Amino acid sequence: MPETIDRSRRGLLGTMAFGALLAQFGTMAAAGAQTNPAPSTAGGGGHTAFASLKQIKAGDLDVGYAVVGPADGKPMLLLHGWPYDIHSYVDVAPILADAGYRVIVPYLRGYGSTRFLSPETPRNGQQAALGVDAIALMDALKIEKAIIGGYDWGARTANIVAALWPERCKAMVSVSGYLIGSQELNKAPLPPKAELQWWYQYYFATPRGEAGYAKYTHDFARLIWELASPQWKFDDATFARSAAAFDNPDHVAVSIHNYRWRLSLAQGESRYDEIEKKLALLPGIAVPTITLEGDANGAPHPEPAAYAKRFSGRYEHRLITGGIGHNLPQEAPQAFAKAMLDVARF
């Protein structure tokens, strides 16, 4: 796969939401940025389902997850985003399994077959809760250390594990780079074009938005897919396979809480306060990392120059070309899998 130095990536991405927030901490050059054309088969690997799903009690949850590859293989943990599901990795996982890795792909809280163990547990979507979920799952599966990959909510969760529990993360692949945030930073107004991209966050802040998402969950998710990946020509069957995961009884509550918490419109749980204090400092990440970005990502995301220096270990950034949007693992599975295999050798 040809790789060339990308020295000119600018323009509209500089206005994206989190990039605007990170700009408060200085503009930084994206060292080691590379352009990776997506394979012509991107998004068309031919797999439509995982062979089997398992369940395991982990922390607050009974987690549904797919596992592919040899039982004694070195573990890789792949984390999906909103509003997507484990099918984002349905073509990635077999590539990694064929290379000898044990690949675990869990449904996040509020998705698929993952359930809360107690009706009393708050349906909390704050970033610290998802980070703790990942550690709890690793503990339950007796995984001491894993190579972790993710995008969207999954990338943020991978960032959190790598930053706060580096002893549990051998290396990381993170789409859109560094996504750890804080309620305090999210209080700062953004340029109008950046605010416009967060329209759904403000919609979710209202009772009308919560009711609307509950009533039109599938329609809403499909709209986000289309906006976030404007050049991805997914078919009805592809969407339907993932949309089934949104029928989880806690999906709406967790999703709404996630976006309200970001704007300080919903409280988190006090048991996560110390973790959130650490995350609010935007801790650096020292584990080996490859960050990825699609050249047609229509969702809010930071400019690579804004986060490069958050990574103090061996680091590389790759721009995946060919009309690749927000759901990069599903749209460009070979490029994502290559990054996972490459970072494993860092």
Protein backbone atom coordinates (compact mmCIF):
# COMPACT_ATOMS: atom_id res chain seq x y z
CA MET A 1 0.00 0.00 0.00
CA PRO A 2 1.67 3.27 -1.08
CA GLU A 3 2.31 5.84 1.58
CA THR A 4 3.32 9.46 0.98
CA ILE A 5 3.91 12.36 3.33
CA ASP A 6 0.86 14.58 3.66
CA ARG A 7 1.96 18.17 4.32
CA SER A 8 -1.06 20.11 3.17
CA ARG A 9 -4.07 18.95 5.12
CA ARG A 10 -5.93 22.12 6.03
CA GLY A 11 -9.20 23.85 5.28
CA LEU A 12 -12.59 23.05 6.67
CA LEU A 13 -11.40 20.48 9.20
CA GLY A 14 -9.84 23.33 11.15
CA THR A 15 -13.29 24.52 12.05
CA MET A 16 -14.46 21.22 13.44
CA ALA A 17 -15.73 21.14 16.97
CA PHE A 18 -13.11 19.39 19.03
CA GLY A 19 -10.29 20.81 16.97
CA ALA A 20 -11.55 24.26 17.89
CA LEU A 21 -11.43 23.30 21.54
CA LEU A 22 -7.93 21.91 21.34
CA ALA A 23 -6.78 25.06 19.59
CA GLN A 24 -6.83 26.70 23.03
CA PHE A 25 -3.75 24.64 23.81
CA GLY A 26 -1.80 25.71 20.73
CA THR A 27 -1.55 24.60 17.15
CA MET A 28 0.75 21.63 16.70
CA ALA A 29 2.22 20.08 13.57
CA ALA A 30 1.00 16.60 12.69
CA ALA A 31 4.30 14.79 12.61
CA GLY A 32 4.54 11.64 10.57
CA ALA A 33 1.26 12.16 8.70
CA GLN A 34 0.79 9.78 5.79
CA THR A 35 -1.79 9.34 3.06
CA ASN A 36 -3.11 5.81 2.60
CA PRO A 37 -5.46 5.22 -0.34
CA ALA A 38 -8.31 2.95 0.66
CA PRO A 39 -8.33 -0.38 -1.17
CA SER A 40 -10.79 -0.64 -4.04
CA THR A 41 -12.71 -3.19 -1.98
CA ALA A 42 -13.17 -0.78 0.95
CA GLY A 43 -16.44 -1.47 2.70
CA GLY A 44 -17.03 -4.56 0.57
CA GLY A 45 -15.14 -7.34 2.32
CA GLY A 46 -18.10 -9.67 1.92
CA HIS A 47 -18.78 -10.54 5.57
CA THR A 48 -22.26 -9.81 6.89
CA ALA A 49 -22.18 -11.29 10.40
CA PHE A 50 -20.01 -12.71 13.13
CA ALA A 51 -20.19 -16.47 13.50
CA SER A 52 -21.38 -16.28 17.11
CA LEU A 53 -21.96 -13.90 19.98
CA LYS A 54 -21.16 -14.47 23.62
CA GLN A 55 -22.22 -12.84 26.90
CA ILE A 56 -20.15 -12.13 29.98
CA LYS A 57 -20.85 -10.23 33.19
CA ALA A 58 -18.42 -7.33 33.50
CA GLY A 59 -18.81 -4.46 35.95
CA ASP A 60 -22.32 -2.99 35.66
CA LEU A 61 -23.10 -4.92 32.51
CA ASP A 62 -23.85 -8.25 30.94
CA VAL A 63 -21.82 -7.59 27.81
CA GLY A 64 -22.60 -9.06 24.42
CA TYR A 65 -19.51 -9.50 22.28
CA ALA A 66 -18.12 -11.23 19.23
CA VAL A 67 -14.81 -13.05 19.40
CA VAL A 68 -12.85 -14.17 16.37
CA GLY A 69 -9.46 -15.85 16.10
CA PRO A 70 -7.43 -18.37 18.09
CA ALA A 71 -8.09 -18.61 21.82
CA ASP A 72 -4.38 -18.26 22.53
CA GLY A 73 -3.87 -15.32 20.18
CA LYS A 74 -2.73 -11.95 21.45
CA PRO A 75 -5.85 -9.90 22.20
CA MET A 76 -7.20 -7.00 20.20
CA LEU A 77 -10.20 -5.02 21.46
CA LEU A 78 -12.28 -3.14 18.88
CA LEU A 79 -14.77 -0.51 20.05
CA HIS A 80 -17.62 0.90 17.98
CA GLY A 81 -19.22 4.34 18.00
CA TRP A 82 -22.63 6.05 17.88
CA PRO A 83 -24.92 5.31 16.12
CA TYR A 84 -23.20 2.18 14.84
CA ASP A 85 -22.47 -1.25 16.27
CA ILE A 86 -20.14 -4.24 16.12
CA HIS A 87 -20.78 -4.70 12.38
CA SER A 88 -18.35 -1.83 11.82
CA TYR A 89 -15.67 -4.50 12.32
CA VAL A 90 -17.28 -7.44 10.52
CA ASP A 91 -14.66 -7.26 7.74
CA VAL A 92 -11.78 -6.09 9.96
CA ALA A 93 -11.92 -8.90 12.52
CA PRO A 94 -11.29 -11.80 10.09
CA ILE A 95 -8.18 -10.09 8.72
CA LEU A 96 -6.78 -9.73 12.22
CA ALA A 97 -7.83 -13.25 13.19
CA ASP A 98 -6.09 -14.66 10.13
CA ALA A 99 -2.93 -12.93 11.38
CA GLY A 100 -3.20 -14.90 14.62
CA TYR A 101 -4.91 -12.39 16.91
CA ARG A 102 -7.84 -12.98 19.24
CA VAL A 103 -10.28 -10.21 18.34
CA ILE A 104 -12.97 -9.08 20.80
CA VAL A 105 -15.73 -6.76 19.54
CA PRO A 106 -18.21 -5.78 22.30
CA TYR A 107 -21.52 -3.99 22.11
CA LEU A 108 -21.18 -0.81 24.15
CA ARG A 109 -23.66 -0.07 26.92
CA GLY A 110 -27.04 0.63 25.32
CA TYR A 111 -26.40 -1.49 22.21
CA GLY A 112 -27.27 -4.95 20.99
CA SER A 113 -27.33 -7.70 23.58
CA THR A 114 -25.44 -5.73 26.25
CA ARG A 115 -27.66 -5.16 29.29
CA PHE A 116 -27.36 -3.46 32.67
CA LEU A 117 -27.30 -5.98 35.50
CA SER A 118 -29.44 -3.79 37.75
CA PRO A 119 -32.47 -1.60 36.97
CA GLU A 120 -31.12 0.79 39.60
CA THR A 121 -27.90 1.62 37.71
CA PRO A 122 -28.13 5.02 36.00
CA ARG A 123 -28.23 4.77 32.21
CA ASN A 124 -25.12 6.88 32.10
CA GLY A 125 -23.28 7.69 28.88
CA GLN A 126 -20.47 9.88 30.25
CA GLN A 127 -16.98 9.18 28.92
CA ALA A 128 -15.57 7.84 32.20
CA ALA A 129 -18.31 5.21 32.45
CA LEU A 130 -17.44 3.81 29.03
CA GLY A 131 -13.75 3.76 29.93
CA VAL A 132 -14.48 1.80 33.09
CA ASP A 133 -16.68 -0.57 31.06
CA ALA A 134 -13.71 -1.39 28.82
CA ILE A 135 -11.46 -2.17 31.79
CA ALA A 136 -14.20 -4.27 33.41
CA LEU A 137 -14.60 -6.28 30.21
CA MET A 138 -10.87 -6.91 30.01
CA ASP A 139 -10.88 -8.02 33.64
CA ALA A 140 -13.81 -10.37 33.05
CA LEU A 141 -12.09 -11.90 30.02
CA LYS A 142 -8.79 -12.10 31.94
CA ILE A 143 -7.04 -9.90 29.40
CA GLU A 144 -4.08 -8.21 31.03
CA LYS A 145 -3.16 -6.02 28.07
CA ALA A 146 -4.66 -5.52 24.60
CA ILE A 147 -4.12 -3.62 21.41
CA ILE A 148 -7.18 -1.36 21.27
CA GLY A 149 -8.83 0.22 18.23
CA GLY A 150 -11.83 2.46 17.92
CA TYR A 151 -13.68 5.32 16.26
CA ASP A 152 -16.19 7.88 17.57
CA TRP A 153 -17.27 6.83 21.11
CA GLY A 154 -14.98 3.82 20.70
CA ALA A 155 -11.95 5.99 19.91
CA ARG A 156 -12.63 8.17 22.94
CA THR A 157 -12.89 5.07 25.11
CA ALA A 158 -9.64 3.71 23.68
CA ASN A 159 -7.99 7.08 24.39
CA ILE A 160 -9.17 6.96 27.99
CA VAL A 161 -7.81 3.48 28.59
CA ALA A 162 -4.49 4.35 26.95
CA ALA A 163 -4.16 7.59 28.94
CA LEU A 164 -5.26 6.44 32.39
CA TRP A 165 -4.48 2.71 32.31
CA PRO A 166 -1.48 2.45 29.94
CA GLU A 167 -0.48 -0.84 31.55
CA ARG A 168 -3.64 -2.34 29.98
CA CYS A 169 -3.05 -0.98 26.47
CA LYS A 170 -0.15 -2.32 24.41
CA ALA A 171 -0.87 -0.02 21.46
CA MET A 172 -3.78 1.88 19.95
CA VAL A 173 -5.44 2.79 16.66
CA SER A 174 -7.71 5.81 17.02
CA VAL A 175 -9.85 7.27 14.25
CA SER A 176 -9.94 11.08 14.49
CA GLY A 177 -7.10 11.01 16.96
CA TYR A 178 -7.46 12.42 20.45
CA LEU A 179 -11.09 12.71 21.57
CA ILE A 180 -10.89 13.01 25.37
CA GLY A 181 -12.91 16.03 26.46
CA SER A 182 -14.26 17.84 29.49
CA GLN A 183 -17.43 19.58 30.49
CA GLU A 184 -15.48 22.78 31.15
CA LEU A 185 -14.03 22.89 27.63
CA ASN A 186 -17.43 22.15 26.16
CA LYS A 187 -18.78 25.35 27.69
CA ALA A 188 -16.77 27.41 25.20
CA PRO A 189 -18.76 28.58 22.16
CA LEU A 190 -17.51 27.48 18.77
CA PRO A 191 -17.56 29.24 15.39
CA PRO A 192 -21.03 29.05 13.81
CA LYS A 193 -20.10 26.42 11.21
CA ALA A 194 -18.71 24.18 13.93
CA GLU A 195 -21.81 24.66 16.09
CA LEU A 196 -23.99 23.75 13.12
CA GLN A 197 -22.32 20.35 12.86
CA TRP A 198 -23.38 19.61 16.43
CA TRP A 199 -27.07 20.22 15.66
CA TYR A 200 -28.10 16.80 17.03
CA GLN A 201 -26.38 17.48 20.35
CA TYR A 202 -28.56 20.55 20.86
CA TYR A 203 -31.64 18.66 19.68
CA PHE A 204 -30.94 15.96 22.25
CA ALA A 205 -30.71 18.63 24.95
CA THR A 206 -34.47 19.17 24.67
CA PRO A 207 -37.41 16.99 25.72
CA ARG A 208 -38.57 17.15 22.09
CA GLY A 209 -35.21 15.76 20.98
CA GLU A 210 -35.33 12.88 23.42
CA ALA A 211 -38.87 12.01 22.33
CA GLY A 212 -37.89 12.39 18.69
CA TYR A 213 -34.91 10.07 18.99
CA ALA A 214 -37.04 7.51 20.82
CA LYS A 215 -39.75 7.64 18.13
CA TYR A 216 -37.49 7.76 15.08
CA THR A 217 -34.35 5.97 16.28
CA HIS A 218 -33.65 4.11 13.05
CA ASP A 219 -34.48 7.06 10.81
CA PHE A 220 -32.30 9.31 12.92
CA ALA A 221 -29.36 6.91 12.86
CA ARG A 222 -29.60 6.52 9.10
CA LEU A 223 -29.52 10.29 8.67
CA ILE A 224 -26.36 10.47 10.80
CA TRP A 225 -24.78 7.73 8.68
CA GLU A 226 -25.55 9.69 5.52
CA LEU A 227 -24.26 12.99 6.88
CA ALA A 228 -21.15 11.53 8.51
CA SER A 229 -20.18 9.41 5.49
CA PRO A 230 -21.56 11.27 2.46
CA GLN A 231 -19.73 9.10 -0.08
CA TRP A 232 -20.40 5.72 1.52
CA LYS A 233 -22.99 3.90 -0.60
CA PHE A 234 -24.23 1.44 2.01
CA ASP A 235 -27.34 -0.57 1.19
CA ASP A 236 -30.50 -1.17 3.21
CA ALA A 237 -29.32 -4.57 4.43
CA THR A 238 -26.05 -3.14 5.76
CA PHE A 239 -27.90 -0.49 7.73
CA ALA A 240 -30.53 -2.93 9.00
CA ARG A 241 -27.89 -5.26 10.47
CA SER A 242 -26.58 -2.44 12.66
CA ALA A 243 -29.94 -0.79 13.32
CA ALA A 244 -31.11 -3.89 15.18
CA ALA A 245 -28.58 -2.98 17.91
CA PHE A 246 -30.43 0.29 18.57
CA ASP A 247 -33.52 -1.61 19.75
CA ASN A 248 -31.71 -2.17 23.05
CA PRO A 249 -34.01 -0.89 25.83
CA ASP A 250 -31.30 1.42 27.18
CA HIS A 251 -30.05 2.82 23.87
CA VAL A 252 -32.00 6.07 23.87
CA ALA A 253 -31.32 6.83 27.54
CA VAL A 254 -27.57 6.22 27.23
CA SER A 255 -27.30 8.22 23.99
CA ILE A 256 -29.24 11.19 25.31
CA HIS A 257 -27.29 11.23 28.56
CA ASN A 258 -23.97 11.15 26.69
CA TYR A 259 -24.67 14.34 24.78
CA ARG A 260 -26.42 16.14 27.64
CA TRP A 261 -23.54 15.32 29.99
CA ARG A 262 -21.07 16.88 27.56
CA LEU A 263 -22.95 20.18 27.81
CA SER A 264 -23.29 19.95 31.62
CA LEU A 265 -27.04 19.52 31.22
CA ALA A 266 -27.01 16.12 32.93
CA GLN A 267 -25.10 14.99 35.97
CA GLY A 268 -22.63 12.14 35.91
CA GLU A 269 -22.16 9.65 38.71
CA SER A 270 -20.01 10.72 41.65
CA ARG A 271 -18.04 7.47 41.50
CA TYR A 272 -16.51 8.73 38.25
CA ASP A 273 -15.58 12.20 39.55
CA GLU A 274 -11.89 11.44 40.09
CA ILE A 275 -11.56 9.92 36.65
CA GLU A 276 -13.25 12.93 35.05
CA LYS A 277 -10.89 15.28 36.90
CA LYS A 278 -7.95 13.47 35.33
CA LEU A 279 -9.55 13.49 31.90
CA ALA A 280 -10.32 17.20 32.15
CA LEU A 281 -6.55 17.82 32.20
CA LEU A 282 -6.35 16.20 28.73
CA PRO A 283 -3.69 13.67 29.74
CA GLY A 284 -1.08 12.66 27.21
CA ILE A 285 -0.90 9.20 25.70
CA ALA A 286 2.44 7.38 25.70
CA VAL A 287 1.49 4.02 24.20
CA PRO A 288 2.37 3.44 20.52
CA THR A 289 -0.40 4.93 18.40
CA ILE A 290 -1.59 5.24 14.83
CA THR A 291 -4.33 7.79 14.24
CA LEU A 292 -6.51 7.60 11.15
CA GLU A 293 -8.80 10.00 9.32
CA GLY A 294 -11.03 9.52 6.32
CA ASP A 295 -10.85 12.12 3.57
CA ALA A 296 -14.66 12.44 3.49
CA ASN A 297 -15.52 12.45 7.20
CA GLY A 298 -18.65 14.57 7.51
CA ALA A 299 -18.89 14.34 11.30
CA PRO A 300 -17.31 16.86 13.69
CA HIS A 301 -13.68 15.90 14.26
CA PRO A 302 -10.40 17.63 15.13
CA GLU A 303 -7.63 18.62 12.76
CA PRO A 304 -4.68 16.21 13.13
CA ALA A 305 -2.36 19.15 13.82
CA ALA A 306 -4.39 19.91 16.94
CA TYR A 307 -3.68 16.60 18.64
CA ALA A 308 -0.37 15.23 17.34
CA LYS A 309 1.60 16.26 20.42
CA ARG A 310 -0.87 14.55 22.74
CA PHE A 311 0.95 11.36 21.74
CA SER A 312 4.43 11.07 23.26
CA GLY A 313 5.21 7.49 22.22
CA ARG A 314 5.86 6.21 18.73
CA TYR A 315 3.19 7.87 16.62
CA GLU A 316 1.96 8.02 13.05
CA HIS A 317 -1.02 9.67 11.38
CA ARG A 318 -2.62 8.31 8.21
CA LEU A 319 -5.16 9.96 5.95
CA ILE A 320 -7.28 7.30 4.25
CA THR A 321 -8.40 8.52 0.85
CA GLY A 322 -11.10 7.35 -1.55
CA GLY A 323 -14.21 9.01 -0.11
CA ILE A 324 -13.90 7.44 3.34
CA GLY A 325 -16.21 8.85 5.98
CA HIS A 326 -16.77 8.62 9.71
CA ASN A 327 -17.29 4.86 10.04
CA LEU A 328 -13.78 4.18 8.82
CA PRO A 329 -13.43 0.52 9.91
CA GLN A 330 -16.50 -0.52 7.92
CA GLU A 331 -15.81 1.74 4.94
CA ALA A 332 -12.09 0.91 4.70
CA PRO A 333 -11.60 -2.37 6.59
CA GLN A 334 -8.30 -3.26 4.99
CA ALA A 335 -6.79 0.13 5.89
CA PHE A 336 -8.02 -0.14 9.48
CA ALA A 337 -6.78 -3.71 9.83
CA LYS A 338 -3.40 -2.75 8.39
CA ALA A 339 -3.08 0.00 10.99
CA MET A 340 -3.86 -2.50 13.77
CA LEU A 341 -1.27 -4.95 12.49
CA ASP A 342 1.32 -2.21 11.96
CA VAL A 343 0.88 -0.66 15.41
CA ALA A 344 1.23 -4.13 16.94
CA ARG A 345 4.80 -4.14 15.59
CA PHE A 346 5.69 -0.65 16.88
